[in-house]
């Protein structure tokens, strides 16, 4: 059955700060693929539309050119509005295949998806926004059948981090059926391979002598135009995005986005894209946004000395992560001076500049903080934009007017939930 999937954000979006200040929840990932791309595993060639908070839509439009954003066009296909924080699809695909009425699918108290059949769609405009769908649900809620599903949702950013190994393995198994034949691959003599048959190298990948590629515990995916230098060791399951540079050090159980530079030790972590961790230092059990720069020897703690559960502070409230392995959650455009040490379970907002060669003891650092614990000043937004332009230019990227506007919105703490689905 062909189906039109509409990804949406819901009212829990703040639980995924600071990573969702610059992107919708479904543009995060746990494995190789962003969450919205995983739908193609469970539904046969679905058409996809993305909806998100209105202030994010212009930036998302600049980044994703081939998928409609915030405009829902009806066709002959039924529609499945799908929660962007979906974790495990469970029996949802089977339930959707059997549905023949407007149906909402719940897990616990959360809405996972809403199926709209032809009769329901006749009551909606041919071209509509998520706000028009919100109005429809308010008027028709009593007529929509409710059904339980075994599908589950992510509830916090650390849930994504916890799934890294599993999701890399699952994504790799699905993707390997259609891996393109790579060209221009250059593997020098002296590379140490373990379980080489469980490694994919994209086009123009170069592996230098003395590198270790060990896929004995899970697959390794290395995207196009990526270089792995000598004395770098990669242990699976790990994914490295395209156009990246991997330097001396060790990466294990991690998902590294495109155009990253990574050295030192990285363990069980997710980097979005354009992350610069060129030097030594440890990052573990962490989720790092785009355009983050780690000064030399920047290191985070991901385990307390007494091995007890880790509490963090999110949106000014204490939160129990229910885990004893939690590192850092770092917003986009944040920079660290040399020798910066990060407290266990720390949330660091966007556009921070932290330095001083000391331990940041906070559990939460607000966006646009400049300095170190006990001595923060507010980072000027115009200087932040000026720095972003310099950094973007170094990677051949241009700061758009939409990027600038969003940076200012975040500085003013004016990011709203307009554009989420309310059911």
Protein backbone atom coordinates (compact mmCIF):
# COMPACT_ATOMS: atom_id res chain seq x y z
CA UNK A 1 0.00 0.00 0.00
CA UNK A 2 1.40 3.39 -0.97
CA UNK A 3 1.16 6.03 1.73
CA UNK A 4 2.01 9.69 2.26
CA UNK A 5 3.93 10.17 5.54
CA UNK A 6 3.85 13.55 7.24
CA UNK A 7 6.45 13.92 9.99
CA UNK A 8 5.47 16.26 12.81
CA UNK A 9 6.84 17.68 16.06
CA UNK A 10 4.81 17.60 19.27
CA UNK A 11 4.70 19.47 22.57
CA UNK A 12 7.64 17.52 24.06
CA UNK A 13 10.15 19.28 21.82
CA UNK A 14 11.81 21.15 24.71
CA UNK A 15 12.95 17.82 26.19
CA UNK A 16 15.45 17.59 23.33
CA UNK A 17 17.14 20.92 23.93
CA UNK A 18 19.73 22.12 23.10
CA UNK A 19 19.87 20.01 19.90
CA UNK A 20 16.40 20.98 18.64
CA UNK A 21 17.00 24.71 18.77
CA UNK A 22 18.31 24.55 15.20
CA UNK A 23 16.52 21.51 13.76
CA UNK A 24 13.32 19.48 14.02
CA UNK A 25 13.41 16.39 16.19
CA UNK A 26 13.26 14.03 13.19
CA UNK A 27 16.51 15.50 11.80
CA UNK A 28 18.39 14.02 14.76
CA UNK A 29 19.73 10.49 14.42
CA UNK A 30 20.81 7.50 16.46
CA UNK A 31 22.42 5.49 13.66
CA UNK A 32 23.51 6.31 10.11
CA UNK A 33 20.19 7.82 8.99
CA UNK A 34 18.24 10.78 10.37
CA UNK A 35 15.04 9.66 12.05
CA UNK A 36 12.77 10.67 9.16
CA UNK A 37 14.76 8.57 6.68
CA UNK A 38 14.14 5.42 8.71
CA UNK A 39 10.47 5.36 7.64
CA UNK A 40 11.57 3.96 4.29
CA UNK A 41 12.56 0.74 6.08
CA UNK A 42 9.01 0.07 7.23
CA UNK A 43 6.80 1.47 4.45
CA UNK A 44 7.15 0.73 0.76
CA UNK A 45 8.43 3.81 -1.09
CA UNK A 46 6.40 6.35 0.91
CA UNK A 47 6.12 9.94 -0.22
CA UNK A 48 7.31 12.18 2.62
CA UNK A 49 6.49 15.68 3.82
CA UNK A 50 8.13 17.37 6.79
CA UNK A 51 6.36 19.76 9.15
CA UNK A 52 8.08 21.66 11.92
CA UNK A 53 8.03 24.79 14.05
CA UNK A 54 7.46 27.77 11.78
CA UNK A 55 10.68 29.53 12.76
CA UNK A 56 12.75 26.51 11.72
CA UNK A 57 11.08 25.96 8.35
CA UNK A 58 13.12 28.51 6.31
CA UNK A 59 16.42 27.04 7.54
CA UNK A 60 15.20 23.49 6.87
CA UNK A 61 14.10 24.53 3.38
CA UNK A 62 17.62 25.77 2.69
CA UNK A 63 19.07 22.41 3.76
CA UNK A 64 16.57 19.92 2.31
CA UNK A 65 15.58 20.73 -1.26
CA UNK A 66 13.74 17.60 -2.35
CA UNK A 67 11.07 17.23 0.36
CA UNK A 68 8.07 19.54 0.91
CA UNK A 69 8.21 21.40 4.24
CA UNK A 70 5.18 22.74 6.12
CA UNK A 71 2.90 22.41 3.08
CA UNK A 72 0.79 19.24 2.94
CA UNK A 73 -0.50 18.39 -0.52
CA UNK A 74 -3.18 15.72 -0.80
CA UNK A 75 -2.98 12.99 -3.42
CA UNK A 76 -4.76 9.68 -3.93
CA UNK A 77 -2.73 8.14 -1.09
CA UNK A 78 -3.90 7.93 2.52
CA UNK A 79 -1.92 10.08 4.92
CA UNK A 80 -0.01 8.95 8.00
CA UNK A 81 1.01 11.76 10.31
CA UNK A 82 4.01 10.29 12.10
CA UNK A 83 5.62 11.57 15.29
CA UNK A 84 9.16 12.70 14.47
CA UNK A 85 10.55 11.20 17.68
CA UNK A 86 9.58 7.64 16.77
CA UNK A 87 12.05 5.15 18.23
CA UNK A 88 10.78 1.65 17.45
CA UNK A 89 8.10 1.09 14.81
CA UNK A 90 6.78 -2.05 16.53
CA UNK A 91 3.50 -3.21 15.00
CA UNK A 92 2.64 0.22 13.57
CA UNK A 93 3.21 -0.74 9.88
CA UNK A 94 0.90 -3.76 10.25
CA UNK A 95 -1.79 -1.70 11.97
CA UNK A 96 -1.61 1.00 9.31
CA UNK A 97 -1.90 -1.59 6.53
CA UNK A 98 -5.19 -2.81 8.07
CA UNK A 99 -6.64 0.64 8.86
CA UNK A 100 -9.73 1.71 6.91
CA UNK A 101 -10.94 4.63 9.06
CA UNK A 102 -9.37 7.75 10.50
CA UNK A 103 -7.32 6.27 13.36
CA UNK A 104 -4.90 7.57 15.98
CA UNK A 105 -2.23 5.26 17.35
CA UNK A 106 -1.06 5.70 20.94
CA UNK A 107 1.84 4.42 23.03
CA UNK A 108 1.32 5.06 26.74
CA UNK A 109 -0.21 8.56 26.68
CA UNK A 110 1.70 9.74 23.61
CA UNK A 111 0.39 9.90 20.09
CA UNK A 112 2.65 8.00 17.71
CA UNK A 113 0.73 8.45 14.47
CA UNK A 114 -2.60 9.45 12.93
CA UNK A 115 -3.93 7.65 9.87
CA UNK A 116 -6.33 9.56 7.62
CA UNK A 117 -8.34 7.68 5.02
CA UNK A 118 -10.07 9.08 1.93
CA UNK A 119 -13.21 10.10 3.82
CA UNK A 120 -11.20 12.07 6.38
CA UNK A 121 -9.08 13.75 3.73
CA UNK A 122 -12.18 14.97 1.90
CA UNK A 123 -12.77 17.32 4.84
CA UNK A 124 -9.34 18.95 4.46
CA UNK A 125 -8.03 21.43 1.87
CA UNK A 126 -6.06 20.07 -1.09
CA UNK A 127 -3.07 22.12 0.07
CA UNK A 128 -2.91 22.71 3.81
CA UNK A 129 -0.60 23.65 6.68
CA UNK A 130 -0.18 21.79 9.95
CA UNK A 131 -2.34 24.48 11.60
CA UNK A 132 -5.26 23.51 9.35
CA UNK A 133 -4.72 19.89 10.37
CA UNK A 134 -4.70 21.00 14.02
CA UNK A 135 -8.06 22.69 13.49
CA UNK A 136 -9.41 19.56 11.82
CA UNK A 137 -8.34 17.33 14.74
CA UNK A 138 -9.98 19.65 17.26
CA UNK A 139 -13.28 19.49 15.38
CA UNK A 140 -13.18 15.76 14.54
CA UNK A 141 -11.41 14.24 17.52
CA UNK A 142 -14.46 12.30 18.69
CA UNK A 143 -14.81 10.65 15.27
CA UNK A 144 -11.23 9.38 15.12
CA UNK A 145 -10.74 5.78 16.30
CA UNK A 146 -8.07 5.27 18.96
CA UNK A 147 -5.77 2.25 18.81
CA UNK A 148 -2.81 1.12 20.90
CA UNK A 149 0.50 0.31 19.20
CA UNK A 150 3.71 -1.33 20.37
CA UNK A 151 5.70 1.42 18.63
CA UNK A 152 7.72 3.60 21.01
CA UNK A 153 9.01 7.17 21.06
CA UNK A 154 12.19 8.88 22.16
CA UNK A 155 11.67 10.95 25.31
CA UNK A 156 15.07 12.65 25.73
CA UNK A 157 18.24 13.20 23.74
CA UNK A 158 20.12 10.64 25.84
CA UNK A 159 17.72 7.97 24.57
CA UNK A 160 19.07 8.52 21.06
CA UNK A 161 22.63 8.28 22.34
CA UNK A 162 21.78 5.00 24.11
CA UNK A 163 20.62 3.48 20.79
CA UNK A 164 23.78 4.25 18.81
CA UNK A 165 25.13 0.71 18.46
CA UNK A 166 21.76 -0.89 17.73
CA UNK A 167 20.72 1.71 15.16
CA UNK A 168 24.03 1.73 13.29
CA UNK A 169 23.77 -2.05 12.95
CA UNK A 170 20.13 -1.87 11.81
CA UNK A 171 20.76 0.98 9.36
CA UNK A 172 23.81 -0.77 7.91
CA UNK A 173 21.87 -4.01 7.33
CA UNK A 174 19.16 -2.11 5.50
CA UNK A 175 21.50 0.13 3.49
CA UNK A 176 23.92 -2.58 2.41
CA UNK A 177 21.29 -3.99 0.03
CA UNK A 178 21.72 -0.89 -2.10
CA UNK A 179 25.24 0.38 -1.34
CA UNK A 180 26.50 2.04 -4.54
CA UNK A 181 29.64 0.64 -6.11
CA UNK A 182 32.44 2.83 -4.78
CA UNK A 183 35.05 4.35 -7.09
CA UNK A 184 38.35 6.06 -6.40
CA UNK A 185 38.95 4.22 -3.11
CA UNK A 186 42.60 4.32 -2.02
CA UNK A 187 43.72 1.97 0.75
CA UNK A 188 47.46 2.14 1.41
CA UNK A 189 49.62 -0.80 2.42
CA UNK A 190 49.88 -1.20 6.17
CA UNK A 191 46.20 -0.74 7.08
CA UNK A 192 45.11 -3.20 9.78
CA UNK A 193 41.70 -4.78 9.01
CA UNK A 194 39.51 -6.89 11.28
CA UNK A 195 36.35 -8.39 9.74
CA UNK A 196 36.83 -6.41 6.55
CA UNK A 197 33.68 -7.87 4.97
CA UNK A 198 31.64 -5.84 7.47
CA UNK A 199 33.08 -2.50 6.30
CA UNK A 200 31.71 -0.16 3.62
CA UNK A 201 33.97 2.45 2.06
CA UNK A 202 32.32 5.13 -0.09
CA UNK A 203 33.78 6.66 -3.22
CA UNK A 204 37.12 8.48 -2.94
CA UNK A 205 37.74 7.25 0.60
CA UNK A 206 41.42 7.14 1.51
CA UNK A 207 42.86 5.03 4.36
CA UNK A 208 46.45 5.81 5.30
CA UNK A 209 49.13 3.29 6.51
CA UNK A 210 48.89 2.33 10.16
CA UNK A 211 45.15 2.94 10.50
CA UNK A 212 43.08 0.27 12.27
CA UNK A 213 39.60 -0.59 10.96
CA UNK A 214 38.06 -3.15 13.34
CA UNK A 215 34.53 -4.34 12.54
CA UNK A 216 34.61 -7.41 14.78
CA UNK A 217 31.90 -6.04 17.10
CA UNK A 218 29.76 -4.36 14.45
CA UNK A 219 29.80 -2.77 10.99
CA UNK A 220 31.76 0.31 9.98
CA UNK A 221 30.37 2.75 7.42
CA UNK A 222 32.68 5.42 5.95
CA UNK A 223 31.06 7.91 3.59
CA UNK A 224 32.34 9.41 0.34
CA UNK A 225 35.42 11.64 0.23
CA UNK A 226 36.50 10.82 3.78
CA UNK A 227 40.14 10.36 4.76
CA UNK A 228 41.34 8.22 7.67
CA UNK A 229 44.87 9.19 8.66
CA UNK A 230 47.65 7.08 10.13
CA UNK A 231 47.33 6.06 13.80
CA UNK A 232 43.54 6.39 13.71
CA UNK A 233 41.58 3.42 15.03
CA UNK A 234 37.89 2.93 14.22
CA UNK A 235 35.92 0.25 16.06
CA UNK A 236 32.44 -0.80 14.96
CA UNK A 237 29.62 -0.32 15.09
CA UNK A 238 30.57 3.15 13.88
CA UNK A 239 29.45 5.43 11.04
CA UNK A 240 31.52 8.26 9.56
CA UNK A 241 29.77 10.77 7.31
CA UNK A 242 31.02 12.01 3.96
CA UNK A 243 33.72 14.66 3.50
CA UNK A 244 35.21 14.00 6.92
CA UNK A 245 38.76 13.71 8.22
CA UNK A 246 39.62 11.17 10.91
CA UNK A 247 42.91 11.85 12.69
CA UNK A 248 45.03 9.91 15.15
CA UNK A 249 43.04 8.55 18.05
CA UNK A 250 40.13 6.18 18.59
CA UNK A 251 36.47 6.27 17.56
CA UNK A 252 34.13 3.54 18.78
CA UNK A 253 30.35 3.00 18.86
CA UNK A 254 29.69 6.44 17.41
CA UNK A 255 27.80 8.16 14.60
CA UNK A 256 29.80 11.00 13.07
CA UNK A 257 28.03 13.34 10.66
CA UNK A 258 29.30 14.74 7.39
CA UNK A 259 32.17 17.22 7.11
CA UNK A 260 33.60 16.56 10.57
CA UNK A 261 37.23 16.53 11.71
CA UNK A 262 37.73 14.10 14.53
CA UNK A 263 40.80 13.18 16.55
CA UNK A 264 41.49 12.04 20.10
CA UNK A 265 39.01 9.62 21.65
CA UNK A 266 35.30 9.54 20.87
CA UNK A 267 33.09 6.85 22.35
CA UNK A 268 29.37 6.12 22.12
CA UNK A 269 28.56 9.60 20.81
CA UNK A 270 26.71 11.37 18.01
CA UNK A 271 28.09 14.36 16.11
CA UNK A 272 25.65 16.17 13.79
CA UNK A 273 27.82 17.79 11.07
CA UNK A 274 30.68 20.28 10.68
CA UNK A 275 32.05 19.36 14.12
CA UNK A 276 35.74 20.14 14.65
CA UNK A 277 37.40 17.93 17.25
CA UNK A 278 40.83 17.99 15.67
CA UNK A 279 42.95 17.53 18.79
CA UNK A 280 43.37 15.12 21.69
CA UNK A 281 40.72 14.93 24.40
CA UNK A 282 37.85 12.61 25.25
CA UNK A 283 34.17 12.90 24.31
CA UNK A 284 31.94 10.05 25.49
CA UNK A 285 28.22 9.27 25.71
CA UNK A 286 27.44 12.68 24.22
CA UNK A 287 25.34 14.32 21.52
CA UNK A 288 27.03 17.25 19.76
CA UNK A 289 25.31 19.77 17.48
CA UNK A 290 26.70 21.26 14.27
CA UNK A 291 29.53 23.79 14.00
CA UNK A 292 30.92 22.92 17.43
CA UNK A 293 34.67 23.37 17.96
CA UNK A 294 36.61 21.52 20.67
CA UNK A 295 39.87 23.15 21.70
CA UNK A 296 42.85 20.88 22.35
CA UNK A 297 42.38 18.53 25.34
CA UNK A 298 38.72 19.44 25.86
CA UNK A 299 37.35 16.45 27.77
CA UNK A 300 33.99 15.47 29.21
CA UNK A 301 33.10 13.16 32.08
CA UNK A 302 30.52 10.47 31.34
CA UNK A 303 30.74 8.44 34.58
CA UNK A 304 30.66 9.51 38.21
CA UNK A 305 33.38 8.25 40.55
CA UNK A 306 30.79 6.34 42.60
CA UNK A 307 29.11 4.86 39.47
CA UNK A 308 25.73 6.23 40.59
CA UNK A 309 22.90 7.47 38.37
CA UNK A 310 23.40 10.82 36.67
CA UNK A 311 21.10 13.79 37.07
CA UNK A 312 21.16 16.68 34.68
CA UNK A 313 19.41 20.03 34.45
CA UNK A 314 17.21 20.70 31.45
CA UNK A 315 15.15 23.85 30.84
CA UNK A 316 16.06 24.95 34.39
CA UNK A 317 14.66 21.77 35.97
CA UNK A 318 16.51 18.83 37.53
CA UNK A 319 16.05 15.60 35.56
CA UNK A 320 17.07 12.05 36.45
CA UNK A 321 18.53 10.41 33.31
CA UNK A 322 18.15 6.93 34.87
CA UNK A 323 21.60 6.07 33.52
CA UNK A 324 25.10 6.03 34.97
CA UNK A 325 26.74 6.77 31.60
CA UNK A 326 25.86 10.27 30.42
CA UNK A 327 28.27 12.80 28.98
CA UNK A 328 27.48 16.16 27.37
CA UNK A 329 24.70 17.57 25.19
CA UNK A 330 26.08 20.48 23.21
CA UNK A 331 24.16 23.01 21.13
CA UNK A 332 25.19 24.29 17.70
CA UNK A 333 27.95 26.90 17.26
CA UNK A 334 29.41 26.35 20.73
CA UNK A 335 33.19 26.64 21.10
CA UNK A 336 35.58 25.35 23.79
CA UNK A 337 38.98 26.80 24.68
CA UNK A 338 41.97 24.53 25.25
CA UNK A 339 41.89 22.34 28.33
CA UNK A 340 38.18 22.79 29.03
CA UNK A 341 36.71 20.07 31.26
CA UNK A 342 32.99 19.30 31.18
CA UNK A 343 30.93 18.04 34.10
CA UNK A 344 29.04 14.74 33.91
CA UNK A 345 25.58 15.11 32.36
CA UNK A 346 25.98 18.74 31.28
CA UNK A 347 23.59 20.55 28.91
CA UNK A 348 25.30 23.36 26.98
CA UNK A 349 23.19 25.70 24.89
CA UNK A 350 23.86 27.11 21.43
CA UNK A 351 26.50 29.75 20.69
CA UNK A 352 28.40 29.39 23.95
CA UNK A 353 32.11 30.17 24.25
CA UNK A 354 33.56 28.30 27.23
CA UNK A 355 37.20 28.61 28.21
CA UNK A 356 39.64 29.10 31.07
CA UNK A 357 41.23 25.66 31.29
CA UNK A 358 39.02 24.65 34.19
CA UNK A 359 36.09 22.38 35.04
CA UNK A 360 32.67 23.64 33.99
CA UNK A 361 30.76 22.49 37.06
CA UNK A 362 27.28 23.54 35.90
CA UNK A 363 24.65 21.01 34.88
CA UNK A 364 23.14 23.50 32.43
CA UNK A 365 24.76 26.38 30.56
CA UNK A 366 22.33 28.75 28.88
CA UNK A 367 22.72 29.76 25.19
CA UNK A 368 25.11 32.60 24.37
CA UNK A 369 27.12 32.17 27.58
CA UNK A 370 30.70 33.48 27.40
CA UNK A 371 33.28 32.50 30.01
CA UNK A 372 33.33 29.75 32.64
CA UNK A 373 31.47 28.65 35.76
CA UNK A 374 30.68 31.59 38.04
CA UNK A 375 31.89 34.14 35.50
CA UNK A 376 29.53 34.09 32.52
CA UNK A 377 28.78 37.07 30.34
CA UNK A 378 26.30 37.23 27.47
CA UNK A 379 27.84 36.63 24.06
CA UNK A 380 26.87 39.40 21.63
CA UNK A 381 24.73 37.98 18.83
CA UNK A 382 26.33 40.14 16.13
CA UNK A 383 29.78 38.82 17.11
CA UNK A 384 28.38 35.28 17.08
CA UNK A 385 27.07 35.81 13.53
CA UNK A 386 30.41 37.30 12.46
CA UNK A 387 32.22 34.23 13.82
CA UNK A 388 29.73 31.90 12.13
CA UNK A 389 30.44 33.56 8.77
CA UNK A 390 34.18 32.99 9.21
CA UNK A 391 33.69 29.35 10.24
CA UNK A 392 31.19 28.63 7.45
CA UNK A 393 33.52 30.16 4.86
CA UNK A 394 36.30 27.78 5.96
CA UNK A 395 34.03 24.89 4.94
CA UNK A 396 32.77 26.48 1.74
CA UNK A 397 29.32 27.24 3.21
CA UNK A 398 27.41 30.54 3.29
CA UNK A 399 25.48 31.89 6.28
CA UNK A 400 22.00 32.65 4.92
CA UNK A 401 19.61 35.34 6.07
CA UNK A 402 17.51 32.53 7.56
CA UNK A 403 20.50 31.31 9.59
CA UNK A 404 21.07 34.83 10.90
CA UNK A 405 17.42 35.29 11.81
CA UNK A 406 17.33 32.00 13.73
CA UNK A 407 20.52 32.90 15.60
CA UNK A 408 18.86 36.13 16.71
CA UNK A 409 15.63 34.35 17.68
CA UNK A 410 17.57 31.94 19.91
CA UNK A 411 19.53 34.80 21.46
CA UNK A 412 16.24 36.48 22.43
CA UNK A 413 14.80 33.18 23.71
CA UNK A 414 11.95 33.76 21.26
CA UNK A 415 11.71 30.30 19.68
CA UNK A 416 8.05 29.24 19.88
CA UNK A 417 6.14 26.01 19.38
CA UNK A 418 4.02 27.38 16.51
CA UNK A 419 3.87 24.62 13.93
CA UNK A 420 3.77 21.59 16.21
CA UNK A 421 0.89 19.10 16.00
CA UNK A 422 -1.66 19.45 18.76
CA UNK A 423 -4.05 16.54 19.05
